[in-house]
Structure formats: C-alpha cells, structure tokens
Amino acid sequence: STDKINGFRPKVQLWHQHVESGNLEMFTLTMQWQGVH
C-alpha cells in the first residue's frame, strides 16, 4: 500500500504541471466539459 501511495504522489505533481500548461487529458470529465463549453 505504501508503494502505491508513493507511486501516486508523482502522478499528482505531474498532473499539476499539466494543468498549469492547459493539458487536462488526465481529467476526462473536466476536459469534456471544457470542450463542450
């Protein structure tokens, strides 16, 4: 379980960088809403 938590943390940091650059591929519904809007 600790390994899975430690593996999830870098994902969150990477997602944060992608969101700042305008990339929302990891958030399917958010990207879908942005496209519809």
Full PDB file with SEQRES, HELIX, SHEET, SSBOND, CRYST1, ORIGX, SCALE, CONECT and MASTER records, all heavy atoms in Angstrom:
SEQRES   1 A   37  SER THR ASP LYS ILE ASN GLY PHE ARG PRO LYS VAL GLN          
SEQRES   2 A   37  LEU TRP HIS GLN HIS VAL GLU SER GLY ASN LEU GLU MET          
SEQRES   3 A   37  PHE THR LEU THR MET GLN TRP GLN GLY VAL HIS                  
HELIX    1 AA1 THR A    2  GLU A   20  1                                  19    
HELIX    2 AA2 THR A   28  VAL A   36  1                                   9    
CRYST1    1.000    1.000    1.000  90.00  90.00  90.00 P 1           1          
ORIGX1      1.000000  0.000000  0.000000        0.00000                         
ORIGX2      0.000000  1.000000  0.000000        0.00000                         
ORIGX3      0.000000  0.000000  1.000000        0.00000                         
SCALE1      1.000000  0.000000  0.000000        0.00000                         
SCALE2      0.000000  1.000000  0.000000        0.00000                         
SCALE3      0.000000  0.000000  1.000000        0.00000                         
ATOM      1  N   SER A   1       0.830  -1.206   0.000  1.00  0.00           N  
ATOM      2  CA  SER A   1       0.000   0.000   0.000  1.00  0.00           C  
ATOM      3  C   SER A   1       0.863   1.253   0.000  1.00  0.00           C  
ATOM      4  O   SER A   1       0.547   2.247  -0.674  1.00  0.00           O  
ATOM      5  CB  SER A   1      -0.932  -0.008   1.219  1.00  0.00           C  
ATOM      6  OG  SER A   1      -1.853  -1.076   1.159  1.00  0.00           O  
ATOM      7  N   THR A   2       1.964   1.228   0.759  1.00  0.00           N  
ATOM      8  CA  THR A   2       2.872   2.375   0.773  1.00  0.00           C  
ATOM      9  C   THR A   2       3.488   2.606  -0.599  1.00  0.00           C  
ATOM     10  O   THR A   2       3.636   3.753  -1.044  1.00  0.00           O  
ATOM     11  CB  THR A   2       3.979   2.157   1.818  1.00  0.00           C  
ATOM     12  OG1 THR A   2       3.379   1.937   3.105  1.00  0.00           O  
ATOM     13  CG2 THR A   2       4.890   3.370   1.901  1.00  0.00           C  
ATOM     14  N   ASP A   3       3.838   1.533  -1.287  1.00  0.00           N  
ATOM     15  CA  ASP A   3       4.385   1.666  -2.632  1.00  0.00           C  
ATOM     16  C   ASP A   3       3.381   2.317  -3.576  1.00  0.00           C  
ATOM     17  O   ASP A   3       3.750   3.159  -4.421  1.00  0.00           O  
ATOM     18  CB  ASP A   3       4.789   0.297  -3.179  1.00  0.00           C  
ATOM     19  CG  ASP A   3       6.010  -0.274  -2.470  1.00  0.00           C  
ATOM     20  OD1 ASP A   3       6.756   0.526  -1.861  1.00  0.00           O  
ATOM     21  OD2 ASP A   3       6.207  -1.500  -2.522  1.00  0.00           O  
ATOM     22  N   LYS A   4       2.109   1.950  -3.445  1.00  0.00           N  
ATOM     23  CA  LYS A   4       1.089   2.525  -4.314  1.00  0.00           C  
ATOM     24  C   LYS A   4       0.858   4.002  -4.009  1.00  0.00           C  
ATOM     25  O   LYS A   4       0.639   4.809  -4.922  1.00  0.00           O  
ATOM     26  CB  LYS A   4      -0.214   1.735  -4.176  1.00  0.00           C  
ATOM     27  CG  LYS A   4      -0.096   0.321  -4.741  1.00  0.00           C  
ATOM     28  CD  LYS A   4      -1.296  -0.530  -4.400  1.00  0.00           C  
ATOM     29  CE  LYS A   4      -1.092  -1.955  -4.918  1.00  0.00           C  
ATOM     30  NZ  LYS A   4      -2.187  -2.858  -4.549  1.00  0.00           N  
ATOM     31  N   ILE A   5       0.933   4.363  -2.705  1.00  0.00           N  
ATOM     32  CA  ILE A   5       0.811   5.772  -2.337  1.00  0.00           C  
ATOM     33  C   ILE A   5       1.995   6.566  -2.881  1.00  0.00           C  
ATOM     34  O   ILE A   5       1.837   7.655  -3.453  1.00  0.00           O  
ATOM     35  CB  ILE A   5       0.722   5.922  -0.812  1.00  0.00           C  
ATOM     36  CG1 ILE A   5      -0.631   5.420  -0.302  1.00  0.00           C  
ATOM     37  CG2 ILE A   5       0.919   7.379  -0.390  1.00  0.00           C  
ATOM     38  CD1 ILE A   5      -1.800   6.278  -0.696  1.00  0.00           C  
ATOM     39  N   ASN A   6       3.189   6.028  -2.712  1.00  0.00           N  
ATOM     40  CA  ASN A   6       4.388   6.712  -3.206  1.00  0.00           C  
ATOM     41  C   ASN A   6       4.393   6.821  -4.728  1.00  0.00           C  
ATOM     42  O   ASN A   6       4.957   7.764  -5.287  1.00  0.00           O  
ATOM     43  CB  ASN A   6       5.642   5.981  -2.731  1.00  0.00           C  
ATOM     44  CG  ASN A   6       5.843   6.078  -1.225  1.00  0.00           C  
ATOM     45  OD1 ASN A   6       5.367   7.033  -0.594  1.00  0.00           O  
ATOM     46  ND2 ASN A   6       6.525   5.112  -0.645  1.00  0.00           N  
ATOM     47  N   GLY A   7       3.772   5.856  -5.400  1.00  0.00           N  
ATOM     48  CA  GLY A   7       3.660   5.943  -6.849  1.00  0.00           C  
ATOM     49  C   GLY A   7       2.606   6.934  -7.303  1.00  0.00           C  
ATOM     50  O   GLY A   7       2.694   7.486  -8.405  1.00  0.00           O  
ATOM     51  N   PHE A   8       1.599   7.184  -6.463  1.00  0.00           N  
ATOM     52  CA  PHE A   8       0.527   8.109  -6.819  1.00  0.00           C  
ATOM     53  C   PHE A   8       0.957   9.570  -6.646  1.00  0.00           C  
ATOM     54  O   PHE A   8       0.474  10.453  -7.372  1.00  0.00           O  
ATOM     55  CB  PHE A   8      -0.701   7.819  -5.954  1.00  0.00           C  
ATOM     56  CG  PHE A   8      -1.928   8.607  -6.321  1.00  0.00           C  
ATOM     57  CD1 PHE A   8      -2.654   8.284  -7.458  1.00  0.00           C  
ATOM     58  CD2 PHE A   8      -2.359   9.661  -5.540  1.00  0.00           C  
ATOM     59  CE1 PHE A   8      -3.777   9.000  -7.803  1.00  0.00           C  
ATOM     60  CE2 PHE A   8      -3.481  10.375  -5.875  1.00  0.00           C  
ATOM     61  CZ  PHE A   8      -4.199  10.049  -7.006  1.00  0.00           C  
ATOM     62  N   ARG A   9       1.846   9.839  -5.698  1.00  0.00           N  
ATOM     63  CA  ARG A   9       2.268  11.225  -5.438  1.00  0.00           C  
ATOM     64  C   ARG A   9       2.935  11.881  -6.638  1.00  0.00           C  
ATOM     65  O   ARG A   9       2.597  13.026  -6.987  1.00  0.00           O  
ATOM     66  CB  ARG A   9       3.197  11.242  -4.219  1.00  0.00           C  
ATOM     67  CG  ARG A   9       2.471  11.015  -2.895  1.00  0.00           C  
ATOM     68  CD  ARG A   9       3.449  10.884  -1.755  1.00  0.00           C  
ATOM     69  NE  ARG A   9       2.760  10.715  -0.474  1.00  0.00           N  
ATOM     70  CZ  ARG A   9       3.370  10.399   0.654  1.00  0.00           C  
ATOM     71  NH1 ARG A   9       4.692  10.225   0.664  1.00  0.00           N  
ATOM     72  NH2 ARG A   9       2.683  10.259   1.768  1.00  0.00           N  
ATOM     73  N   PRO A  10       3.894  11.219  -7.314  1.00  0.00           N  
ATOM     74  CA  PRO A  10       4.470  11.851  -8.510  1.00  0.00           C  
ATOM     75  C   PRO A  10       3.434  12.111  -9.605  1.00  0.00           C  
ATOM     76  O   PRO A  10       3.555  13.075 -10.359  1.00  0.00           O  
ATOM     77  CB  PRO A  10       5.525  10.843  -8.978  1.00  0.00           C  
ATOM     78  CG  PRO A  10       5.865  10.051  -7.764  1.00  0.00           C  
ATOM     79  CD  PRO A  10       4.599   9.961  -6.986  1.00  0.00           C  
ATOM     80  N   LYS A  11       2.413  11.246  -9.682  1.00  0.00           N  
ATOM     81  CA  LYS A  11       1.347  11.476 -10.651  1.00  0.00           C  
ATOM     82  C   LYS A  11       0.640  12.802 -10.384  1.00  0.00           C  
ATOM     83  O   LYS A  11       0.360  13.565 -11.311  1.00  0.00           O  
ATOM     84  CB  LYS A  11       0.320  10.337 -10.598  1.00  0.00           C  
ATOM     85  CG  LYS A  11       0.747   9.058 -11.284  1.00  0.00           C  
ATOM     86  CD  LYS A  11      -0.410   8.073 -11.290  1.00  0.00           C  
ATOM     87  CE  LYS A  11      -0.020   6.782 -11.991  1.00  0.00           C  
ATOM     88  NZ  LYS A  11      -1.150   5.821 -12.001  1.00  0.00           N  
ATOM     89  N   VAL A  12       0.353  13.056  -9.094  1.00  0.00           N  
ATOM     90  CA  VAL A  12      -0.334  14.295  -8.739  1.00  0.00           C  
ATOM     91  C   VAL A  12       0.524  15.500  -9.115  1.00  0.00           C  
ATOM     92  O   VAL A  12       0.025  16.508  -9.639  1.00  0.00           O  
ATOM     93  CB  VAL A  12      -0.663  14.305  -7.238  1.00  0.00           C  
ATOM     94  CG1 VAL A  12      -1.283  15.639  -6.834  1.00  0.00           C  
ATOM     95  CG2 VAL A  12      -1.616  13.166  -6.892  1.00  0.00           C  
ATOM     96  N   GLN A  13       1.818  15.436  -8.849  1.00  0.00           N  
ATOM     97  CA  GLN A  13       2.710  16.536  -9.219  1.00  0.00           C  
ATOM     98  C   GLN A  13       2.763  16.724 -10.730  1.00  0.00           C  
ATOM     99  O   GLN A  13       2.766  17.865 -11.227  1.00  0.00           O  
ATOM    100  CB  GLN A  13       4.106  16.256  -8.660  1.00  0.00           C  
ATOM    101  CG  GLN A  13       4.162  16.182  -7.135  1.00  0.00           C  
ATOM    102  CD  GLN A  13       5.527  15.778  -6.620  1.00  0.00           C  
ATOM    103  OE1 GLN A  13       6.447  15.526  -7.398  1.00  0.00           O  
ATOM    104  NE2 GLN A  13       5.670  15.726  -5.302  1.00  0.00           N  
ATOM    105  N   LEU A  14       2.803  15.624 -11.465  1.00  0.00           N  
ATOM    106  CA  LEU A  14       2.813  15.713 -12.924  1.00  0.00           C  
ATOM    107  C   LEU A  14       1.503  16.281 -13.446  1.00  0.00           C  
ATOM    108  O   LEU A  14       1.493  17.109 -14.376  1.00  0.00           O  
ATOM    109  CB  LEU A  14       3.061  14.329 -13.521  1.00  0.00           C  
ATOM    110  CG  LEU A  14       3.160  14.235 -15.052  1.00  0.00           C  
ATOM    111  CD1 LEU A  14       4.330  15.076 -15.561  1.00  0.00           C  
ATOM    112  CD2 LEU A  14       3.297  12.791 -15.494  1.00  0.00           C  
ATOM    113  N   TRP A  15       0.386  15.864 -12.857  1.00  0.00           N  
ATOM    114  CA  TRP A  15      -0.907  16.409 -13.259  1.00  0.00           C  
ATOM    115  C   TRP A  15      -0.971  17.910 -13.011  1.00  0.00           C  
ATOM    116  O   TRP A  15      -1.555  18.652 -13.800  1.00  0.00           O  
ATOM    117  CB  TRP A  15      -2.025  15.701 -12.494  1.00  0.00           C  
ATOM    118  CG  TRP A  15      -2.189  14.262 -12.862  1.00  0.00           C  
ATOM    119  CD1 TRP A  15      -1.650  13.623 -13.945  1.00  0.00           C  
ATOM    120  CD2 TRP A  15      -2.947  13.277 -12.152  1.00  0.00           C  
ATOM    121  NE1 TRP A  15      -2.014  12.297 -13.951  1.00  0.00           N  
ATOM    122  CE2 TRP A  15      -2.810  12.049 -12.871  1.00  0.00           C  
ATOM    123  CE3 TRP A  15      -3.708  13.290 -11.005  1.00  0.00           C  
ATOM    124  CZ2 TRP A  15      -3.410  10.878 -12.460  1.00  0.00           C  
ATOM    125  CZ3 TRP A  15      -4.318  12.126 -10.585  1.00  0.00           C  
ATOM    126  CH2 TRP A  15      -4.171  10.926 -11.313  1.00  0.00           C  
ATOM    127  N   HIS A  16      -0.397  18.332 -11.874  1.00  0.00           N  
ATOM    128  CA  HIS A  16      -0.389  19.761 -11.546  1.00  0.00           C  
ATOM    129  C   HIS A  16       0.357  20.556 -12.613  1.00  0.00           C  
ATOM    130  O   HIS A  16      -0.090  21.637 -13.042  1.00  0.00           O  
ATOM    131  CB  HIS A  16       0.255  19.960 -10.171  1.00  0.00           C  
ATOM    132  CG  HIS A  16       0.155  21.374  -9.668  1.00  0.00           C  
ATOM    133  ND1 HIS A  16       1.127  22.313  -9.909  1.00  0.00           N  
ATOM    134  CD2 HIS A  16      -0.815  22.001  -8.947  1.00  0.00           C  
ATOM    135  CE1 HIS A  16       0.783  23.463  -9.351  1.00  0.00           C  
ATOM    136  NE2 HIS A  16      -0.394  23.298  -8.769  1.00  0.00           N  
ATOM    137  N   GLN A  17       1.479  20.035 -13.083  1.00  0.00           N  
ATOM    138  CA  GLN A  17       2.235  20.710 -14.133  1.00  0.00           C  
ATOM    139  C   GLN A  17       1.455  20.743 -15.442  1.00  0.00           C  
ATOM    140  O   GLN A  17       1.461  21.753 -16.159  1.00  0.00           O  
ATOM    141  CB  GLN A  17       3.574  20.004 -14.340  1.00  0.00           C  
ATOM    142  CG  GLN A  17       4.496  20.056 -13.121  1.00  0.00           C  
ATOM    143  CD  GLN A  17       5.756  19.225 -13.320  1.00  0.00           C  
ATOM    144  OE1 GLN A  17       5.967  18.640 -14.388  1.00  0.00           O  
ATOM    145  NE2 GLN A  17       6.586  19.154 -12.285  1.00  0.00           N  
ATOM    146  N   HIS A  18       0.774  19.649 -15.752  1.00  0.00           N  
ATOM    147  CA  HIS A  18      -0.006  19.602 -16.988  1.00  0.00           C  
ATOM    148  C   HIS A  18      -1.179  20.577 -16.940  1.00  0.00           C  
ATOM    149  O   HIS A  18      -1.495  21.221 -17.951  1.00  0.00           O  
ATOM    150  CB  HIS A  18      -0.519  18.180 -17.227  1.00  0.00           C  
ATOM    151  CG  HIS A  18       0.550  17.242 -17.688  1.00  0.00           C  
ATOM    152  ND1 HIS A  18       0.299  15.910 -17.968  1.00  0.00           N  
ATOM    153  CD2 HIS A  18       1.871  17.427 -17.920  1.00  0.00           C  
ATOM    154  CE1 HIS A  18       1.422  15.324 -18.351  1.00  0.00           C  
ATOM    155  NE2 HIS A  18       2.393  16.229 -18.324  1.00  0.00           N  
ATOM    156  N   VAL A  19      -1.831  20.679 -15.781  1.00  0.00           N  
ATOM    157  CA  VAL A  19      -2.965  21.601 -15.661  1.00  0.00           C  
ATOM    158  C   VAL A  19      -2.502  23.040 -15.832  1.00  0.00           C  
ATOM    159  O   VAL A  19      -3.183  23.867 -16.473  1.00  0.00           O  
ATOM    160  CB  VAL A  19      -3.662  21.402 -14.300  1.00  0.00           C  
ATOM    161  CG1 VAL A  19      -4.682  22.502 -14.042  1.00  0.00           C  
ATOM    162  CG2 VAL A  19      -4.362  20.050 -14.250  1.00  0.00           C  
ATOM    163  N   GLU A  20      -1.336  23.369 -15.265  1.00  0.00           N  
ATOM    164  CA  GLU A  20      -0.815  24.731 -15.413  1.00  0.00           C  
ATOM    165  C   GLU A  20      -0.522  25.069 -16.871  1.00  0.00           C  
ATOM    166  O   GLU A  20      -0.642  26.224 -17.289  1.00  0.00           O  
ATOM    167  CB  GLU A  20       0.453  24.893 -14.576  1.00  0.00           C  
ATOM    168  CG  GLU A  20       0.187  24.937 -13.073  1.00  0.00           C  
ATOM    169  CD  GLU A  20       1.461  25.162 -12.280  1.00  0.00           C  
ATOM    170  OE1 GLU A  20       2.554  24.942 -12.844  1.00  0.00           O  
ATOM    171  OE2 GLU A  20       1.354  25.570 -11.102  1.00  0.00           O  
ATOM    172  N   SER A  21      -0.148  24.055 -17.661  1.00  0.00           N  
ATOM    173  CA  SER A  21       0.118  24.276 -19.081  1.00  0.00           C  
ATOM    174  C   SER A  21      -1.133  24.134 -19.942  1.00  0.00           C  
ATOM    175  O   SER A  21      -1.061  24.229 -21.160  1.00  0.00           O  
ATOM    176  CB  SER A  21       1.192  23.301 -19.569  1.00  0.00           C  
ATOM    177  OG  SER A  21       0.746  21.951 -19.431  1.00  0.00           O  
ATOM    178  N   GLY A  22      -2.304  23.863 -19.299  1.00  0.00           N  
ATOM    179  CA  GLY A  22      -3.561  23.764 -20.029  1.00  0.00           C  
ATOM    180  C   GLY A  22      -3.903  22.385 -20.530  1.00  0.00           C  
ATOM    181  O   GLY A  22      -4.850  22.222 -21.312  1.00  0.00           O  
ATOM    182  N   ASN A  23      -3.186  21.357 -20.081  1.00  0.00           N  
ATOM    183  CA  ASN A  23      -3.440  19.979 -20.502  1.00  0.00           C  
ATOM    184  C   ASN A  23      -4.314  19.283 -19.462  1.00  0.00           C  
ATOM    185  O   ASN A  23      -3.928  19.144 -18.300  1.00  0.00           O  
ATOM    186  CB  ASN A  23      -2.117  19.235 -20.674  1.00  0.00           C  
ATOM    187  CG  ASN A  23      -2.317  17.828 -21.218  1.00  0.00           C  
ATOM    188  OD1 ASN A  23      -3.432  17.395 -21.477  1.00  0.00           O  
ATOM    189  ND2 ASN A  23      -1.224  17.115 -21.406  1.00  0.00           N  
ATOM    190  N   LEU A  24      -5.501  18.834 -19.870  1.00  0.00           N  
ATOM    191  CA  LEU A  24      -6.449  18.192 -18.942  1.00  0.00           C  
ATOM    192  C   LEU A  24      -6.771  16.753 -19.360  1.00  0.00           C  
ATOM    193  O   LEU A  24      -7.854  16.253 -19.069  1.00  0.00           O  
ATOM    194  CB  LEU A  24      -7.745  19.006 -18.873  1.00  0.00           C  
ATOM    195  CG  LEU A  24      -7.631  20.440 -18.373  1.00  0.00           C  
ATOM    196  CD1 LEU A  24      -8.971  21.146 -18.489  1.00  0.00           C  
ATOM    197  CD2 LEU A  24      -7.138  20.487 -16.933  1.00  0.00           C  
ATOM    198  N   GLU A  25      -5.834  16.106 -20.034  1.00  0.00           N  
ATOM    199  CA  GLU A  25      -6.108  14.762 -20.527  1.00  0.00           C  
ATOM    200  C   GLU A  25      -6.371  13.768 -19.406  1.00  0.00           C  
ATOM    201  O   GLU A  25      -7.101  12.796 -19.595  1.00  0.00           O  
ATOM    202  CB  GLU A  25      -4.925  14.280 -21.372  1.00  0.00           C  
ATOM    203  CG  GLU A  25      -4.769  15.012 -22.687  1.00  0.00           C  
ATOM    204  CD  GLU A  25      -3.630  14.457 -23.514  1.00  0.00           C  
ATOM    205  OE1 GLU A  25      -2.937  13.543 -23.015  1.00  0.00           O  
ATOM    206  OE2 GLU A  25      -3.437  14.918 -24.651  1.00  0.00           O  
ATOM    207  N   MET A  26      -5.752  13.977 -18.230  1.00  0.00           N  
ATOM    208  CA  MET A  26      -5.944  13.036 -17.127  1.00  0.00           C  
ATOM    209  C   MET A  26      -7.309  13.209 -16.459  1.00  0.00           C  
ATOM    210  O   MET A  26      -7.765  12.339 -15.736  1.00  0.00           O  
ATOM    211  CB  MET A  26      -4.818  13.183 -16.103  1.00  0.00           C  
ATOM    212  CG  MET A  26      -4.860  14.457 -15.261  1.00  0.00           C  
ATOM    213  SD  MET A  26      -4.662  16.004 -16.168  1.00  0.00           S  
ATOM    214  CE  MET A  26      -3.031  15.795 -16.842  1.00  0.00           C  
ATOM    215  N   PHE A  27      -7.986  14.338 -16.691  1.00  0.00           N  
ATOM    216  CA  PHE A  27      -9.306  14.610 -16.108  1.00  0.00           C  
ATOM    217  C   PHE A  27     -10.325  14.562 -17.238  1.00  0.00           C  
ATOM    218  O   PHE A  27     -10.601  15.581 -17.893  1.00  0.00           O  
ATOM    219  CB  PHE A  27      -9.323  15.962 -15.405  1.00  0.00           C  
ATOM    220  CG  PHE A  27      -8.355  16.051 -14.261  1.00  0.00           C  
ATOM    221  CD1 PHE A  27      -7.593  17.188 -14.066  1.00  0.00           C  
ATOM    222  CD2 PHE A  27      -8.202  14.999 -13.382  1.00  0.00           C  
ATOM    223  CE1 PHE A  27      -6.707  17.283 -13.005  1.00  0.00           C  
ATOM    224  CE2 PHE A  27      -7.322  15.076 -12.328  1.00  0.00           C  
ATOM    225  CZ  PHE A  27      -6.560  16.223 -12.135  1.00  0.00           C  
ATOM    226  N   THR A  28     -10.898  13.387 -17.458  1.00  0.00           N  
ATOM    227  CA  THR A  28     -11.742  13.147 -18.627  1.00  0.00           C  
ATOM    228  C   THR A  28     -12.978  14.039 -18.644  1.00  0.00           C  
ATOM    229  O   THR A  28     -13.265  14.708 -19.643  1.00  0.00           O  
ATOM    230  CB  THR A  28     -12.172  11.673 -18.673  1.00  0.00           C  
ATOM    231  OG1 THR A  28     -11.020  10.837 -18.583  1.00  0.00           O  
ATOM    232  CG2 THR A  28     -12.924  11.374 -19.955  1.00  0.00           C  
ATOM    233  N   LEU A  29     -13.718  14.067 -17.538  1.00  0.00           N  
ATOM    234  CA  LEU A  29     -14.960  14.839 -17.498  1.00  0.00           C  
ATOM    235  C   LEU A  29     -14.681  16.335 -17.573  1.00  0.00           C  
ATOM    236  O   LEU A  29     -15.435  17.085 -18.219  1.00  0.00           O  
ATOM    237  CB  LEU A  29     -15.734  14.507 -16.221  1.00  0.00           C  
ATOM    238  CG  LEU A  29     -16.207  13.057 -16.076  1.00  0.00           C  
ATOM    239  CD1 LEU A  29     -16.958  12.863 -14.776  1.00  0.00           C  
ATOM    240  CD2 LEU A  29     -17.086  12.656 -17.257  1.00  0.00           C  
ATOM    241  N   THR A  30     -13.602  16.782 -16.933  1.00  0.00           N  
ATOM    242  CA  THR A  30     -13.255  18.203 -16.981  1.00  0.00           C  
ATOM    243  C   THR A  30     -12.896  18.620 -18.399  1.00  0.00           C  
ATOM    244  O   THR A  30     -13.304  19.690 -18.874  1.00  0.00           O  
ATOM    245  CB  THR A  30     -12.087  18.498 -16.031  1.00  0.00           C  
ATOM    246  OG1 THR A  30     -12.402  18.012 -14.723  1.00  0.00           O  
ATOM    247  CG2 THR A  30     -11.815  19.983 -15.951  1.00  0.00           C  
ATOM    248  N   MET A  31     -12.123  17.779 -19.072  1.00  0.00           N  
ATOM    249  CA  MET A  31     -11.757  18.080 -20.453  1.00  0.00           C  
ATOM    250  C   MET A  31     -12.990  18.057 -21.351  1.00  0.00           C  
ATOM    251  O   MET A  31     -13.142  18.889 -22.253  1.00  0.00           O  
ATOM    252  CB  MET A  31     -10.724  17.067 -20.943  1.00  0.00           C  
ATOM    253  CG  MET A  31     -10.192  17.358 -22.337  1.00  0.00           C  
ATOM    254  SD  MET A  31      -8.845  16.249 -22.820  1.00  0.00           S  
ATOM    255  CE  MET A  31      -9.746  14.688 -22.859  1.00  0.00           C  
ATOM    256  N   GLN A  32     -13.902  17.114 -21.079  1.00  0.00           N  
ATOM    257  CA  GLN A  32     -15.134  17.044 -21.858  1.00  0.00           C  
ATOM    258  C   GLN A  32     -15.977  18.303 -21.646  1.00  0.00           C  
ATOM    259  O   GLN A  32     -16.511  18.872 -22.600  1.00  0.00           O  
ATOM    260  CB  GLN A  32     -15.932  15.802 -21.449  1.00  0.00           C  
ATOM    261  CG  GLN A  32     -17.270  15.661 -22.144  1.00  0.00           C  
ATOM    262  CD  GLN A  32     -18.073  14.498 -21.596  1.00  0.00           C  
ATOM    263  OE1 GLN A  32     -17.603  13.737 -20.767  1.00  0.00           O  
ATOM    264  NE2 GLN A  32     -19.300  14.367 -22.050  1.00  0.00           N  
ATOM    265  N   TRP A  33     -16.056  18.738 -20.389  1.00  0.00           N  
ATOM    266  CA  TRP A  33     -16.826  19.947 -20.095  1.00  0.00           C  
ATOM    267  C   TRP A  33     -16.188  21.166 -20.760  1.00  0.00           C  
ATOM    268  O   TRP A  33     -16.885  22.021 -21.320  1.00  0.00           O  
ATOM    269  CB  TRP A  33     -16.911  20.166 -18.588  1.00  0.00           C  
ATOM    270  CG  TRP A  33     -17.450  21.521 -18.225  1.00  0.00           C  
ATOM    271  CD1 TRP A  33     -16.742  22.603 -17.788  1.00  0.00           C  
ATOM    272  CD2 TRP A  33     -18.809  21.944 -18.300  1.00  0.00           C  
ATOM    273  NE1 TRP A  33     -17.571  23.668 -17.580  1.00  0.00           N  
ATOM    274  CE2 TRP A  33     -18.851  23.294 -17.885  1.00  0.00           C  
ATOM    275  CE3 TRP A  33     -19.982  21.313 -18.680  1.00  0.00           C  
ATOM    276  CZ2 TRP A  33     -20.035  24.010 -17.843  1.00  0.00           C  
ATOM    277  CZ3 TRP A  33     -21.159  22.035 -18.645  1.00  0.00           C  
ATOM    278  CH2 TRP A  33     -21.184  23.364 -18.221  1.00  0.00           C  
ATOM    279  N   GLN A  34     -14.858  21.245 -20.724  1.00  0.00           N  
ATOM    280  CA  GLN A  34     -14.173  22.360 -21.343  1.00  0.00           C  
ATOM    281  C   GLN A  34     -14.423  22.387 -22.850  1.00  0.00           C  
ATOM    282  O   GLN A  34     -14.647  23.433 -23.438  1.00  0.00           O  
ATOM    283  CB  GLN A  34     -12.669  22.266 -21.064  1.00  0.00           C  
ATOM    284  CG  GLN A  34     -11.885  23.491 -21.581  1.00  0.00           C  
ATOM    285  CD  GLN A  34     -10.392  23.293 -21.416  1.00  0.00           C  
ATOM    286  OE1 GLN A  34      -9.882  22.215 -21.679  1.00  0.00           O  
ATOM    287  NE2 GLN A  34      -9.693  24.326 -20.976  1.00  0.00           N  
ATOM    288  N   GLY A  35     -14.423  21.174 -23.460  1.00  0.00           N  
ATOM    289  CA  GLY A  35     -14.669  21.113 -24.893  1.00  0.00           C  
ATOM    290  C   GLY A  35     -16.071  21.535 -25.254  1.00  0.00           C  
ATOM    291  O   GLY A  35     -16.295  22.290 -26.207  1.00  0.00           O  
ATOM    292  N   VAL A  36     -17.058  21.070 -24.497  1.00  0.00           N  
ATOM    293  CA  VAL A  36     -18.450  21.446 -24.743  1.00  0.00           C  
ATOM    294  C   VAL A  36     -18.640  22.931 -24.542  1.00  0.00           C  
ATOM    295  O   VAL A  36     -19.306  23.621 -25.335  1.00  0.00           O  
ATOM    296  CB  VAL A  36     -19.402  20.634 -23.853  1.00  0.00           C  
ATOM    297  CG1 VAL A  36     -20.828  21.152 -23.967  1.00  0.00           C  
ATOM    298  CG2 VAL A  36     -19.332  19.156 -24.195  1.00  0.00           C  
ATOM    299  N   HIS A  37     -18.051  23.474 -23.479  1.00  0.00           N  
ATOM    300  CA  HIS A  37     -18.204  24.884 -23.165  1.00  0.00           C  
ATOM    301  C   HIS A  37     -17.539  25.747 -24.232  1.00  0.00           C  
ATOM    302  O   HIS A  37     -18.089  26.778 -24.654  1.00  0.00           O  
ATOM    303  CB  HIS A  37     -17.605  25.181 -21.799  1.00  0.00           C  
ATOM    304  CG  HIS A  37     -17.858  26.575 -21.312  1.00  0.00           C  
ATOM    305  ND1 HIS A  37     -19.125  27.101 -21.196  1.00  0.00           N  
ATOM    306  CD2 HIS A  37     -17.004  27.557 -20.901  1.00  0.00           C  
ATOM    307  CE1 HIS A  37     -19.060  28.337 -20.732  1.00  0.00           C  
ATOM    308  NE2 HIS A  37     -17.761  28.633 -20.555  1.00  0.00           N  
TER     309      HIS A  37                                                      
MASTER        0    0    0    2    0    0    0    6  308    1    0    3          
END                                                                             
